[in-house]
Amino acid sequence: MQRADIWVPKPRSQAEQRALRHLRGLMRRLEKDKRFKDAVGRLEKGWQAFTQARNTLRLTDAELPRADTRYQPVGLPALEAQRLKEIEKQVEHYLNDLQKRVGNENLAKPTTPHAIILKYFRKYRAHLFGHPVIRDNDGTVIAVVERTNNVDEHFFGNEKQKLRRRVGRAHLGRDLEDQPAQAALAANLQHPDYVRILCGSLDHLHNAFADLDQQMFDQATPLVRNNRDTVLQNRVRTLLKHLQEADAQDEITPHLAQINL
């Protein structure tokens, strides 16, 4: 009701006053229903247990799925590796405390929030830590593998959105299967260091494509969607390729006889 008083400014019309009186009547009915108090208590206990687990893992809002990438922390690799070790130690103490709270409760069918959290920690404990750390010849940490797949999820979501804009379809299952895996490399053209190593500058990008080996290009998956005419198109493409390789007109006729359309 305090929120309602703030949202509805004064002076109020008769219709607004009637709406507020009706809302007060509904709130009185809810206050008398004990089921809501029980539900609120259970939700608060679950939320407190979840918040404690999240704080122990030091998960920030930037690390949640679909979070804003602008707020993702960017730290030094050595400090990040040390931070992960500290988090692992805290998780060990947290799991021991959880075990004491849960006691002998059956984890196969947990009922309390702490028992549910402990069940999932035991199931996925091996995947939380132990990510590879890349070091140079002097042993200095130069890179740490992300402990979540949110970076990959962000990249996949953005690429899927771009594909939907290109093809104009809502269901992209077949389109994602048909496009070659190398299509993901096109995103690297946004990085100047990658472009510099590949071709020097975007003005010379066409030269990099021209240098592709023709045999490997033929084996690559074309960026087209399969349809009922795909088999026939492939046979026609093969026929045209053999016709181009024929050196003389008298070699074309027996060659056509060998190709079964």
Foldseek 3Di string as FASTA:
>chain_A
DVVLPVVQDPPDDPVSVVVVVVVVVVVVVVVVDVVVVVVVVQVVQLVVLVVVVCVLLPDDQCPDAPGDVVPDDDDAQVVVVVVLVVSLVSVVVVLVVLCVVCPPDDLVDDDHNSSVVNNVCVVCVVLQDDFDFDADPVRDTHDTDDSDCRVVVVLVVVVVVVVCVVPVDDDCPQLVVQAFPCVSVVVVLVPQVVCCVQQNHPVRVVVSVVPDDPVVVVVTRDNDGDDPCPVVVVLVVVLVVVVVVDDDPVVNVVVVVPRDD
